[in-house]
Each structure stands twice: as structure tokens, then as C-alpha cells.
Amino acid sequence: MTVQSIAVKLLRPTQIAVGKRLVKMKRKGLREREGKPQELVDFILANPLRVVLGPNDEIHIIDHHHLGCALMKEGFKTAPVIVEADLSKLALPEFWTTMQGKAWVHPFDGKGKRRKISDIPDDLLDMEDDPYRSLAGVVRQEGGFNKTLTPYMEFAWADYFRHQIKLKALNADFTGTVKKALALASAPEAAKLPGYKVAATS
């Protein structure tokens, strides 16, 4: 698919929450590359945002919400995108029905509770924080589970950790909680989750 350039401010989310700690990490990564312009450009081009064209000329991001937020917060005017589908001719109700059928929308809030499609914000910067989504993202980066093509897979892991780790503990000691979550990621109870890695045996 062809990579296009689209104004960041035009991107609309298809989920209610992100892990804001992850957004901060993405912003840090962008700033660290500022002194190496070619490296920065290469990084951004290597991670195009996946979007769907919707009714009323709206552009809905369906992957890389965290990077999209980071680009917006860091003042980037444009972002590379890949158009996954053009659904702009559909009526609005049919559009959202199609989006749900393809698992391109995730209307769950920062506490993991399902909400209405209408509760999805119009702006990337208006998304809620889900601390467990940040936890899941870091656990994957640390090798706790594999990235797969399953839509919103890291939210499935976030919900798994949500029922295993208290929010108070997560907020008080994120690093320590990551270690606990890494152990939980290899537990038999997690085997049904996408990207599960069988624990190594000695």
C-alpha cells in the first residue's frame, strides 16, 4: 500500500483510551532523534499510521494511536499514513457497523469498560488514560508477549493485568509492577491471549 502524508490534526481516534505513559515514551523517542534529522524521518516513515476514510471527509486512525498522539504533542504538522479502506461513501450508521465488524474500533474507556461509539472523542488529545495499556505496552517491549495482527491485542493484555494487579500498586511502583506483569504474562492463565509466549524451561 502507498504511504501518504496527512495533517495530524485531521486524525480522529477509534478508541477512547491510550496509555499516556507510552505516549510520553514515544515523545521522548522523537525528541532524542531531533538532533539526527534523517534518523527521525526514517523512524516516522517506518511506522506509518493506519487509517480508514470515513463519511464527511473524516480520517480515522486504527493503529498507532500512541505515536499519533506523540506527533501531535511534539508539534508535528503531518504524519505518514496508509489508507486501509475507503468507507467514505457509507452512511454514518453503516460506517460504524462496518468498523465494528472489522474490529477497527475499540470503544472501551480508561477503566476497561465498554462505552458507546459516540463516546469516542473527536481529537487524539482528548483520549482517556488507561494505565494498564501502558503496562501492557512495556511488558511487550520487554519480551513478555509477541506482537500479532490481532486488533487491539494489547488491550486484551491490559484487561488481563487489570484483574491481576491493583491500580494503587501500578501507580506507586511502575517498574516493580512490570516485573510482576512479566511473570504473569507467562502464566498458564494467559495462554489464551494473543501473542502468548510459552515460558522457557530449564
N, C-alpha and C. Protein backbone atom coordinates (compact mmCIF):
# COMPACT_ATOMS: atom_id res chain seq x y z
N MET A 1 0.84 -1.20 0.00
CA MET A 1 0.00 0.00 0.00
C MET A 1 0.87 1.25 0.00
N THR A 2 0.36 2.29 -0.64
CA THR A 2 1.12 3.53 -0.76
C THR A 2 1.04 4.35 0.53
N VAL A 3 2.18 4.88 0.94
CA VAL A 3 2.23 5.75 2.11
C VAL A 3 1.92 7.18 1.68
N GLN A 4 0.98 7.81 2.37
CA GLN A 4 0.60 9.18 2.08
C GLN A 4 0.91 10.06 3.29
N SER A 5 0.88 11.36 3.09
CA SER A 5 1.10 12.30 4.18
C SER A 5 -0.20 13.03 4.47
N ILE A 6 -0.60 13.05 5.74
CA ILE A 6 -1.86 13.67 6.14
C ILE A 6 -1.61 14.58 7.35
N ALA A 7 -2.32 15.67 7.42
CA ALA A 7 -2.20 16.58 8.56
C ALA A 7 -2.61 15.86 9.84
N VAL A 8 -1.76 15.92 10.85
CA VAL A 8 -2.02 15.22 12.10
C VAL A 8 -3.33 15.68 12.73
N LYS A 9 -3.65 16.95 12.62
CA LYS A 9 -4.85 17.48 13.27
C LYS A 9 -6.14 16.91 12.70
N LEU A 10 -6.05 16.28 11.52
CA LEU A 10 -7.25 15.71 10.90
C LEU A 10 -7.55 14.30 11.40
N LEU A 11 -6.61 13.68 12.08
CA LEU A 11 -6.78 12.29 12.51
C LEU A 11 -7.77 12.19 13.68
N ARG A 12 -8.70 11.27 13.55
CA ARG A 12 -9.69 11.03 14.60
C ARG A 12 -9.46 9.63 15.18
N PRO A 13 -9.53 9.48 16.49
CA PRO A 13 -9.30 8.17 17.11
C PRO A 13 -10.46 7.21 16.90
N THR A 14 -10.16 5.93 17.04
CA THR A 14 -11.21 4.90 17.02
C THR A 14 -11.23 4.16 18.35
N GLN A 15 -10.63 4.76 19.35
CA GLN A 15 -10.66 4.20 20.69
C GLN A 15 -10.79 5.34 21.69
N ILE A 16 -11.20 5.01 22.89
CA ILE A 16 -11.43 6.04 23.90
C ILE A 16 -10.19 6.31 24.73
N ALA A 17 -9.37 5.29 24.92
CA ALA A 17 -8.23 5.41 25.84
C ALA A 17 -6.92 5.01 25.19
N VAL A 18 -5.85 5.56 25.73
CA VAL A 18 -4.48 5.18 25.39
C VAL A 18 -3.71 5.07 26.70
N GLY A 19 -2.51 4.52 26.63
CA GLY A 19 -1.62 4.53 27.78
C GLY A 19 -0.77 5.80 27.71
N LYS A 20 -1.06 6.76 28.56
CA LYS A 20 -0.36 8.06 28.43
C LYS A 20 1.12 7.96 28.80
N ARG A 21 1.48 6.98 29.60
CA ARG A 21 2.90 6.77 29.86
C ARG A 21 3.60 6.36 28.57
N LEU A 22 2.93 5.57 27.77
CA LEU A 22 3.50 5.16 26.48
C LEU A 22 3.64 6.35 25.54
N VAL A 23 2.66 7.25 25.57
CA VAL A 23 2.74 8.44 24.74
C VAL A 23 3.97 9.26 25.13
N LYS A 24 4.22 9.39 26.42
CA LYS A 24 5.40 10.13 26.89
C LYS A 24 6.68 9.45 26.41
N MET A 25 6.69 8.13 26.41
CA MET A 25 7.86 7.40 25.93
C MET A 25 8.07 7.64 24.44
N LYS A 26 6.97 7.67 23.68
CA LYS A 26 7.07 7.95 22.25
C LYS A 26 7.60 9.37 22.01
N ARG A 27 7.11 10.31 22.82
CA ARG A 27 7.58 11.70 22.68
C ARG A 27 9.07 11.79 22.98
N LYS A 28 9.51 11.09 24.00
CA LYS A 28 10.93 11.08 24.33
C LYS A 28 11.76 10.53 23.19
N GLY A 29 11.27 9.45 22.57
CA GLY A 29 11.98 8.87 21.45
C GLY A 29 12.08 9.83 20.27
N LEU A 30 11.01 10.59 20.02
CA LEU A 30 11.05 11.57 18.94
C LEU A 30 12.05 12.68 19.25
N ARG A 31 12.05 13.16 20.49
CA ARG A 31 12.97 14.24 20.86
C ARG A 31 14.43 13.78 20.79
N GLU A 32 14.68 12.53 21.16
CA GLU A 32 16.04 12.01 21.12
C GLU A 32 16.59 11.94 19.70
N ARG A 33 15.69 11.89 18.72
CA ARG A 33 16.11 11.81 17.32
C ARG A 33 16.16 13.18 16.65
N GLU A 34 15.78 14.24 17.38
CA GLU A 34 15.72 15.57 16.77
C GLU A 34 17.08 16.01 16.25
N GLY A 35 18.15 15.63 16.94
CA GLY A 35 19.48 16.02 16.50
C GLY A 35 20.00 15.20 15.33
N LYS A 36 19.23 14.19 14.94
CA LYS A 36 19.60 13.34 13.81
C LYS A 36 18.41 13.31 12.85
N PRO A 37 18.26 14.38 12.06
CA PRO A 37 17.07 14.54 11.22
C PRO A 37 16.75 13.33 10.34
N GLN A 38 17.75 12.74 9.72
CA GLN A 38 17.48 11.61 8.83
C GLN A 38 16.98 10.40 9.62
N GLU A 39 17.56 10.20 10.80
CA GLU A 39 17.11 9.10 11.65
C GLU A 39 15.67 9.32 12.08
N LEU A 40 15.32 10.56 12.39
CA LEU A 40 13.95 10.90 12.79
C LEU A 40 12.98 10.63 11.64
N VAL A 41 13.34 11.08 10.44
CA VAL A 41 12.48 10.87 9.27
C VAL A 41 12.33 9.38 8.99
N ASP A 42 13.43 8.65 9.06
CA ASP A 42 13.38 7.21 8.79
C ASP A 42 12.47 6.50 9.79
N PHE A 43 12.55 6.91 11.06
CA PHE A 43 11.73 6.29 12.10
C PHE A 43 10.25 6.53 11.83
N ILE A 44 9.90 7.77 11.53
CA ILE A 44 8.49 8.11 11.31
C ILE A 44 7.95 7.40 10.07
N LEU A 45 8.74 7.37 9.00
CA LEU A 45 8.30 6.72 7.77
C LEU A 45 8.19 5.21 7.93
N ALA A 46 8.97 4.66 8.85
CA ALA A 46 8.94 3.21 9.09
C ALA A 46 7.73 2.80 9.93
N ASN A 47 7.03 3.79 10.48
CA ASN A 47 5.88 3.50 11.34
C ASN A 47 4.65 4.29 10.90
N PRO A 48 4.21 4.08 9.66
CA PRO A 48 3.04 4.83 9.19
C PRO A 48 1.78 4.46 9.98
N LEU A 49 0.94 5.45 10.18
CA LEU A 49 -0.32 5.24 10.87
C LEU A 49 -1.32 4.61 9.89
N ARG A 50 -2.07 3.63 10.34
CA ARG A 50 -3.09 3.01 9.50
C ARG A 50 -4.40 3.77 9.72
N VAL A 51 -5.04 4.15 8.63
CA VAL A 51 -6.27 4.94 8.73
C VAL A 51 -7.36 4.38 7.83
N VAL A 52 -8.59 4.77 8.14
CA VAL A 52 -9.76 4.46 7.32
C VAL A 52 -10.44 5.78 6.99
N LEU A 53 -10.79 5.95 5.74
CA LEU A 53 -11.51 7.15 5.32
C LEU A 53 -12.99 6.95 5.61
N GLY A 54 -13.58 7.90 6.31
CA GLY A 54 -14.97 7.79 6.69
C GLY A 54 -15.84 8.86 6.07
N PRO A 55 -17.13 8.85 6.40
CA PRO A 55 -18.06 9.87 5.89
C PRO A 55 -17.65 11.27 6.34
N ASN A 56 -18.12 12.26 5.63
CA ASN A 56 -17.87 13.67 5.97
C ASN A 56 -16.39 14.03 5.95
N ASP A 57 -15.62 13.33 5.08
CA ASP A 57 -14.19 13.60 4.92
C ASP A 57 -13.39 13.35 6.20
N GLU A 58 -13.91 12.51 7.09
CA GLU A 58 -13.19 12.22 8.33
C GLU A 58 -12.16 11.11 8.10
N ILE A 59 -11.05 11.21 8.81
CA ILE A 59 -9.96 10.24 8.70
C ILE A 59 -9.76 9.61 10.06
N HIS A 60 -10.01 8.32 10.14
CA HIS A 60 -10.00 7.60 11.41
C HIS A 60 -8.75 6.73 11.52
N ILE A 61 -7.94 6.96 12.55
CA ILE A 61 -6.74 6.18 12.76
C ILE A 61 -7.12 4.86 13.45
N ILE A 62 -6.62 3.75 12.92
CA ILE A 62 -6.95 2.44 13.50
C ILE A 62 -5.73 1.73 14.06
N ASP A 63 -4.57 2.33 13.95
CA ASP A 63 -3.36 1.74 14.55
C ASP A 63 -2.35 2.84 14.79
N HIS A 64 -1.54 2.66 15.84
CA HIS A 64 -0.50 3.63 16.23
C HIS A 64 -1.10 4.91 16.81
N HIS A 65 -2.14 4.76 17.65
CA HIS A 65 -2.69 5.93 18.33
C HIS A 65 -1.65 6.63 19.20
N HIS A 66 -0.79 5.85 19.85
CA HIS A 66 0.21 6.43 20.75
C HIS A 66 1.20 7.30 19.98
N LEU A 67 1.65 6.81 18.84
CA LEU A 67 2.56 7.61 18.03
C LEU A 67 1.85 8.83 17.48
N GLY A 68 0.60 8.67 17.09
CA GLY A 68 -0.16 9.81 16.60
C GLY A 68 -0.28 10.90 17.65
N CYS A 69 -0.56 10.50 18.89
CA CYS A 69 -0.62 11.47 20.00
C CYS A 69 0.73 12.14 20.21
N ALA A 70 1.78 11.34 20.17
CA ALA A 70 3.12 11.88 20.39
C ALA A 70 3.48 12.90 19.31
N LEU A 71 3.18 12.58 18.06
CA LEU A 71 3.47 13.51 16.96
C LEU A 71 2.71 14.82 17.15
N MET A 72 1.46 14.72 17.56
CA MET A 72 0.66 15.92 17.76
C MET A 72 1.22 16.76 18.92
N LYS A 73 1.54 16.10 20.02
CA LYS A 73 2.05 16.83 21.19
C LYS A 73 3.42 17.45 20.92
N GLU A 74 4.19 16.84 20.04
CA GLU A 74 5.51 17.37 19.72
C GLU A 74 5.49 18.39 18.59
N GLY A 75 4.29 18.72 18.13
CA GLY A 75 4.15 19.80 17.15
C GLY A 75 4.34 19.41 15.70
N PHE A 76 4.33 18.12 15.40
CA PHE A 76 4.45 17.70 14.00
C PHE A 76 3.16 18.07 13.27
N LYS A 77 3.30 18.59 12.08
CA LYS A 77 2.13 19.02 11.31
C LYS A 77 1.55 17.89 10.48
N THR A 78 2.40 16.98 10.01
CA THR A 78 1.93 15.89 9.16
C THR A 78 2.45 14.56 9.68
N ALA A 79 1.82 13.48 9.21
CA ALA A 79 2.25 12.14 9.57
C ALA A 79 2.04 11.22 8.37
N PRO A 80 2.91 10.22 8.20
CA PRO A 80 2.71 9.27 7.11
C PRO A 80 1.59 8.30 7.48
N VAL A 81 0.74 8.01 6.52
CA VAL A 81 -0.38 7.09 6.78
C VAL A 81 -0.52 6.11 5.63
N ILE A 82 -1.12 4.98 5.95
CA ILE A 82 -1.54 4.00 4.94
C ILE A 82 -3.06 3.90 5.04
N VAL A 83 -3.74 4.12 3.94
CA VAL A 83 -5.20 4.04 3.93
C VAL A 83 -5.60 2.57 3.82
N GLU A 84 -6.15 2.05 4.90
CA GLU A 84 -6.54 0.65 4.95
C GLU A 84 -7.83 0.41 4.17
N ALA A 85 -8.73 1.38 4.19
CA ALA A 85 -10.00 1.23 3.47
C ALA A 85 -10.64 2.60 3.27
N ASP A 86 -11.38 2.73 2.19
CA ASP A 86 -12.14 3.95 1.92
C ASP A 86 -13.62 3.63 2.10
N LEU A 87 -14.16 4.05 3.25
CA LEU A 87 -15.56 3.82 3.57
C LEU A 87 -16.33 5.14 3.56
N SER A 88 -15.80 6.10 2.85
CA SER A 88 -16.35 7.45 2.88
C SER A 88 -17.74 7.56 2.25
N LYS A 89 -18.10 6.58 1.43
CA LYS A 89 -19.41 6.64 0.76
C LYS A 89 -20.54 6.06 1.62
N LEU A 90 -20.18 5.44 2.73
CA LEU A 90 -21.20 4.82 3.58
C LEU A 90 -21.92 5.86 4.43
N ALA A 91 -23.17 5.57 4.75
CA ALA A 91 -23.88 6.40 5.73
C ALA A 91 -23.24 6.16 7.10
N LEU A 92 -23.34 7.11 7.98
CA LEU A 92 -22.65 7.03 9.26
C LEU A 92 -22.96 5.75 10.05
N PRO A 93 -24.24 5.36 10.19
CA PRO A 93 -24.53 4.13 10.94
C PRO A 93 -23.88 2.90 10.30
N GLU A 94 -23.92 2.83 8.97
CA GLU A 94 -23.32 1.70 8.27
C GLU A 94 -21.80 1.71 8.41
N PHE A 95 -21.25 2.91 8.43
CA PHE A 95 -19.80 3.04 8.60
C PHE A 95 -19.36 2.42 9.92
N TRP A 96 -20.04 2.78 11.01
CA TRP A 96 -19.62 2.26 12.31
C TRP A 96 -19.93 0.78 12.46
N THR A 97 -20.99 0.32 11.81
CA THR A 97 -21.28 -1.12 11.81
C THR A 97 -20.15 -1.88 11.11
N THR A 98 -19.69 -1.33 10.00
CA THR A 98 -18.59 -1.95 9.25
C THR A 98 -17.30 -1.91 10.06
N MET A 99 -17.04 -0.81 10.71
CA MET A 99 -15.83 -0.66 11.53
C MET A 99 -15.83 -1.69 12.66
N GLN A 100 -16.98 -1.88 13.29
CA GLN A 100 -17.08 -2.87 14.36
C GLN A 100 -16.92 -4.28 13.83
N GLY A 101 -17.49 -4.53 12.66
CA GLY A 101 -17.38 -5.86 12.07
C GLY A 101 -15.95 -6.24 11.73
N LYS A 102 -15.15 -5.26 11.38
CA LYS A 102 -13.74 -5.50 11.04
C LYS A 102 -12.82 -5.32 12.25
N ALA A 103 -13.40 -5.09 13.42
CA ALA A 103 -12.62 -4.87 14.66
C ALA A 103 -11.66 -3.70 14.50
N TRP A 104 -12.15 -2.62 13.90
CA TRP A 104 -11.34 -1.42 13.71
C TRP A 104 -11.75 -0.32 14.68
N VAL A 105 -12.49 -0.67 15.69
CA VAL A 105 -12.91 0.32 16.68
C VAL A 105 -12.90 -0.35 18.05
N HIS A 106 -12.50 0.41 19.08
CA HIS A 106 -12.38 -0.17 20.42
C HIS A 106 -12.96 0.81 21.43
N PRO A 107 -14.30 0.82 21.60
CA PRO A 107 -14.94 1.80 22.48
C PRO A 107 -14.93 1.41 23.96
N PHE A 108 -13.74 1.31 24.52
CA PHE A 108 -13.59 0.98 25.93
C PHE A 108 -12.84 2.12 26.61
N ASP A 109 -13.30 2.51 27.79
CA ASP A 109 -12.70 3.66 28.46
C ASP A 109 -11.43 3.30 29.22
N GLY A 110 -10.91 4.26 29.97
CA GLY A 110 -9.66 4.07 30.69
C GLY A 110 -9.71 3.07 31.82
N LYS A 111 -10.92 2.62 32.15
CA LYS A 111 -11.08 1.58 33.18
C LYS A 111 -11.43 0.23 32.57
N GLY A 112 -11.38 0.16 31.24
CA GLY A 112 -11.67 -1.10 30.57
C GLY A 112 -13.15 -1.37 30.39
N LYS A 113 -13.98 -0.35 30.60
CA LYS A 113 -15.43 -0.53 30.49
C LYS A 113 -15.91 -0.14 29.08
N ARG A 114 -16.78 -0.98 28.51
CA ARG A 114 -17.31 -0.69 27.19
C ARG A 114 -18.24 0.52 27.23
N ARG A 115 -18.09 1.40 26.25
CA ARG A 115 -18.93 2.59 26.15
C ARG A 115 -19.58 2.64 24.77
N LYS A 116 -20.34 3.68 24.53
CA LYS A 116 -20.99 3.87 23.23
C LYS A 116 -19.98 4.39 22.22
N ILE A 117 -20.25 4.11 20.95
CA ILE A 117 -19.40 4.63 19.89
C ILE A 117 -19.32 6.16 19.98
N SER A 118 -20.43 6.77 20.35
CA SER A 118 -20.48 8.23 20.44
C SER A 118 -19.57 8.78 21.54
N ASP A 119 -19.09 7.91 22.42
CA ASP A 119 -18.19 8.36 23.49
C ASP A 119 -16.74 8.45 23.02
N ILE A 120 -16.46 7.96 21.82
CA ILE A 120 -15.10 8.09 21.29
C ILE A 120 -14.85 9.57 20.99
N PRO A 121 -13.76 10.14 21.50
CA PRO A 121 -13.51 11.58 21.28
C PRO A 121 -13.18 11.88 19.82
N ASP A 122 -13.35 13.12 19.45
CA ASP A 122 -13.03 13.55 18.09
C ASP A 122 -11.54 13.84 17.91
N ASP A 123 -10.86 14.11 19.02
CA ASP A 123 -9.46 14.54 18.97
C ASP A 123 -8.57 13.52 19.67
N LEU A 124 -7.41 13.25 19.10
CA LEU A 124 -6.46 12.32 19.71
C LEU A 124 -6.08 12.73 21.12
N LEU A 125 -5.96 14.03 21.35
CA LEU A 125 -5.50 14.52 22.64
C LEU A 125 -6.59 14.45 23.72
N ASP A 126 -7.81 14.10 23.33
CA ASP A 126 -8.90 14.01 24.30
C ASP A 126 -9.14 12.59 24.78
N MET A 127 -8.29 11.65 24.37
CA MET A 127 -8.47 10.27 24.82
C MET A 127 -8.10 10.14 26.30
N GLU A 128 -8.77 9.21 26.99
CA GLU A 128 -8.53 8.97 28.41
C GLU A 128 -7.23 8.16 28.59
N ASP A 129 -6.74 8.18 29.81
CA ASP A 129 -5.56 7.38 30.15
C ASP A 129 -5.99 6.02 30.70
N ASP A 130 -5.38 4.96 30.17
CA ASP A 130 -5.55 3.62 30.73
C ASP A 130 -4.17 3.15 31.17
N PRO A 131 -3.85 3.24 32.46
CA PRO A 131 -2.52 2.85 32.95
C PRO A 131 -2.16 1.41 32.61
N TYR A 132 -3.16 0.55 32.52
CA TYR A 132 -2.88 -0.85 32.22
C TYR A 132 -2.49 -1.05 30.76
N ARG A 133 -2.92 -0.13 29.90
CA ARG A 133 -2.47 -0.19 28.50
C ARG A 133 -0.99 0.16 28.42
N SER A 134 -0.55 1.10 29.25
CA SER A 134 0.88 1.40 29.31
C SER A 134 1.65 0.20 29.82
N LEU A 135 1.11 -0.43 30.85
CA LEU A 135 1.77 -1.61 31.41
C LEU A 135 1.91 -2.69 30.34
N ALA A 136 0.84 -2.96 29.61
CA ALA A 136 0.87 -3.99 28.57
C ALA A 136 1.89 -3.64 27.50
N GLY A 137 1.96 -2.38 27.13
CA GLY A 137 2.91 -1.96 26.10
C GLY A 137 4.35 -2.19 26.52
N VAL A 138 4.66 -1.85 27.76
CA VAL A 138 6.03 -2.03 28.25
C VAL A 138 6.36 -3.51 28.42
N VAL A 139 5.40 -4.28 28.89
CA VAL A 139 5.62 -5.73 29.03
C VAL A 139 5.93 -6.35 27.66
N ARG A 140 5.23 -5.92 26.61
CA ARG A 140 5.54 -6.43 25.27
C ARG A 140 6.93 -6.02 24.84
N GLN A 141 7.30 -4.76 25.11
CA GLN A 141 8.64 -4.28 24.76
C GLN A 141 9.72 -5.08 25.48
N GLU A 142 9.39 -5.54 26.68
CA GLU A 142 10.35 -6.31 27.47
C GLU A 142 10.33 -7.80 27.11
N GLY A 143 9.55 -8.16 26.11
CA GLY A 143 9.53 -9.54 25.64
C GLY A 143 8.52 -10.44 26.32
N GLY A 144 7.58 -9.86 27.04
CA GLY A 144 6.59 -10.66 27.76
C GLY A 144 5.61 -11.39 26.86
N PHE A 145 5.32 -10.79 25.72
CA PHE A 145 4.47 -11.45 24.72
C PHE A 145 4.81 -10.87 23.36
N ASN A 146 4.36 -11.55 22.31
CA ASN A 146 4.68 -11.14 20.95
C ASN A 146 3.62 -10.23 20.36
N LYS A 147 4.05 -9.37 19.47
CA LYS A 147 3.12 -8.55 18.70
C LYS A 147 2.46 -9.44 17.66
N THR A 148 1.14 -9.34 17.52
CA THR A 148 0.42 -10.10 16.50
C THR A 148 -0.46 -9.14 15.70
N LEU A 149 -1.14 -9.66 14.70
CA LEU A 149 -2.03 -8.84 13.89
C LEU A 149 -3.43 -8.72 14.48
N THR A 150 -3.65 -9.34 15.65
CA THR A 150 -4.95 -9.25 16.30
C THR A 150 -5.25 -7.80 16.67
N PRO A 151 -6.36 -7.24 16.19
CA PRO A 151 -6.67 -5.84 16.50
C PRO A 151 -6.76 -5.59 18.01
N TYR A 152 -6.16 -4.50 18.43
CA TYR A 152 -6.22 -4.05 19.82
C TYR A 152 -5.77 -5.13 20.81
N MET A 153 -4.81 -5.94 20.38
CA MET A 153 -4.36 -7.07 21.20
C MET A 153 -3.82 -6.64 22.55
N GLU A 154 -3.16 -5.48 22.59
CA GLU A 154 -2.54 -5.06 23.85
C GLU A 154 -3.59 -4.62 24.87
N PHE A 155 -4.79 -4.29 24.40
CA PHE A 155 -5.88 -4.01 25.33
C PHE A 155 -6.35 -5.29 25.99
N ALA A 156 -6.27 -6.41 25.27
CA ALA A 156 -6.62 -7.70 25.87
C ALA A 156 -5.66 -8.01 27.01
N TRP A 157 -4.38 -7.73 26.78
CA TRP A 157 -3.39 -7.94 27.84
C TRP A 157 -3.60 -6.94 28.98
N ALA A 158 -3.97 -5.70 28.63
CA ALA A 158 -4.24 -4.70 29.66
C ALA A 158 -5.36 -5.17 30.58
N ASP A 159 -6.40 -5.75 30.01
CA ASP A 159 -7.52 -6.25 30.82
C ASP A 159 -7.10 -7.44 31.68
N TYR A 160 -6.22 -8.25 31.15
CA TYR A 160 -5.69 -9.39 31.92
C TYR A 160 -4.93 -8.88 33.15
N PHE A 161 -4.05 -7.91 32.94
CA PHE A 161 -3.29 -7.35 34.06
C PHE A 161 -4.20 -6.57 35.01
N ARG A 162 -5.26 -5.97 34.46
CA ARG A 162 -6.19 -5.17 35.26
C ARG A 162 -6.82 -6.01 36.37
N HIS A 163 -7.04 -7.29 36.08
CA HIS A 163 -7.66 -8.18 37.05
C HIS A 163 -6.65 -8.88 37.95
N GLN A 164 -5.36 -8.64 37.69
CA GLN A 164 -4.32 -9.31 38.47
C GLN A 164 -3.53 -8.35 39.36
N ILE A 165 -3.50 -7.09 38.97
CA ILE A 165 -2.65 -6.10 39.65
C ILE A 165 -3.50 -4.90 40.05
N LYS A 166 -3.38 -4.49 41.29
CA LYS A 166 -4.15 -3.35 41.78
C LYS A 166 -3.60 -2.04 41.20
N LEU A 167 -4.50 -1.12 40.91
CA LEU A 167 -4.11 0.16 40.33
C LEU A 167 -3.19 0.93 41.27
N LYS A 168 -3.45 0.84 42.57
CA LYS A 168 -2.61 1.54 43.54
C LYS A 168 -1.16 1.07 43.44
N ALA A 169 -0.97 -0.23 43.30
CA ALA A 169 0.39 -0.78 43.18
C ALA A 169 1.02 -0.34 41.86
N LEU A 170 0.23 -0.32 40.79
CA LEU A 170 0.74 0.10 39.48
C LEU A 170 1.21 1.55 39.51
N ASN A 171 0.42 2.41 40.12
CA ASN A 171 0.78 3.83 40.19
C ASN A 171 1.95 4.09 41.12
N ALA A 172 2.07 3.27 42.18
CA ALA A 172 3.13 3.50 43.18
C ALA A 172 4.49 3.02 42.71
N ASP A 173 4.51 1.94 41.95
CA ASP A 173 5.80 1.36 41.54
C ASP A 173 5.65 0.71 40.17
N PHE A 174 5.74 1.54 39.13
CA PHE A 174 5.53 1.02 37.78
C PHE A 174 6.59 0.00 37.40
N THR A 175 7.85 0.30 37.70
CA THR A 175 8.94 -0.62 37.34
C THR A 175 8.78 -1.97 38.02
N GLY A 176 8.46 -1.94 39.31
CA GLY A 176 8.25 -3.18 40.03
C GLY A 176 7.06 -3.95 39.51
N THR A 177 6.02 -3.21 39.11
CA THR A 177 4.82 -3.85 38.58
C THR A 177 5.10 -4.50 37.24
N VAL A 178 5.97 -3.90 36.44
CA VAL A 178 6.34 -4.51 35.16
C VAL A 178 6.96 -5.89 35.39
N LYS A 179 7.81 -6.00 36.39
CA LYS A 179 8.44 -7.30 36.69
C LYS A 179 7.38 -8.33 37.07
N LYS A 180 6.41 -7.91 37.87
CA LYS A 180 5.33 -8.82 38.26
C LYS A 180 4.51 -9.21 37.03
N ALA A 181 4.24 -8.22 36.17
CA ALA A 181 3.43 -8.48 34.99
C ALA A 181 4.15 -9.40 34.00
N LEU A 182 5.47 -9.31 33.93
CA LEU A 182 6.24 -10.20 33.06
C LEU A 182 6.06 -11.65 33.50
N ALA A 183 6.04 -11.86 34.80
CA ALA A 183 5.81 -13.21 35.31
C ALA A 183 4.38 -13.67 35.01
N LEU A 184 3.43 -12.77 35.16
CA LEU A 184 2.03 -13.10 34.88
C LEU A 184 1.82 -13.40 33.40
N ALA A 185 2.62 -12.77 32.54
CA ALA A 185 2.46 -12.95 31.10
C ALA A 185 2.77 -14.37 30.66
N SER A 186 3.59 -15.07 31.41
CA SER A 186 3.95 -16.45 31.04
C SER A 186 3.14 -17.49 31.81
N ALA A 187 2.20 -17.03 32.62
CA ALA A 187 1.37 -17.96 33.40
C ALA A 187 0.40 -18.70 32.48
N PRO A 188 0.02 -19.91 32.83
CA PRO A 188 -0.93 -20.68 32.02
C PRO A 188 -2.25 -19.94 31.77
N GLU A 189 -2.65 -19.12 32.74
CA GLU A 189 -3.92 -18.39 32.61
C GLU A 189 -3.90 -17.40 31.43
N ALA A 190 -2.70 -17.03 30.99
CA ALA A 190 -2.59 -16.06 29.90
C ALA A 190 -2.50 -16.72 28.53
N ALA A 191 -2.52 -18.04 28.50
CA ALA A 191 -2.28 -18.79 27.26
C ALA A 191 -3.28 -18.46 26.15
N LYS A 192 -4.46 -18.03 26.53
CA LYS A 192 -5.50 -17.74 25.53
C LYS A 192 -5.31 -16.37 24.88
N LEU A 193 -4.42 -15.56 25.41
CA LEU A 193 -4.24 -14.20 24.90
C LEU A 193 -3.36 -14.19 23.66
N PRO A 194 -3.60 -13.24 22.74
CA PRO A 194 -2.80 -13.17 21.51
C PRO A 194 -1.35 -12.84 21.82
N GLY A 195 -0.44 -13.57 21.17
CA GLY A 195 0.98 -13.30 21.36
C GLY A 195 1.60 -13.99 22.55
N TYR A 196 0.83 -14.85 23.20
CA TYR A 196 1.35 -15.55 24.39
C TYR A 196 2.60 -16.34 24.04
N LYS A 197 3.60 -16.23 24.91
CA LYS A 197 4.85 -16.97 24.71
C LYS A 197 4.96 -18.04 25.78
N VAL A 198 5.21 -19.25 25.37
CA VAL A 198 5.39 -20.34 26.33
C VAL A 198 6.63 -20.07 27.15
N ALA A 199 6.51 -20.18 28.46
CA ALA A 199 7.64 -19.92 29.34
C ALA A 199 8.78 -20.88 29.05
N ALA A 200 10.00 -20.37 29.04
CA ALA A 200 11.17 -21.21 28.78
C ALA A 200 11.37 -22.16 29.95
N THR A 201 11.77 -23.36 29.64
CA THR A 201 12.05 -24.34 30.69
C THR A 201 13.53 -24.63 30.73
N SER A 202 14.05 -24.87 31.93
CA SER A 202 15.48 -25.13 32.09
C SER A 202 15.77 -26.61 31.89
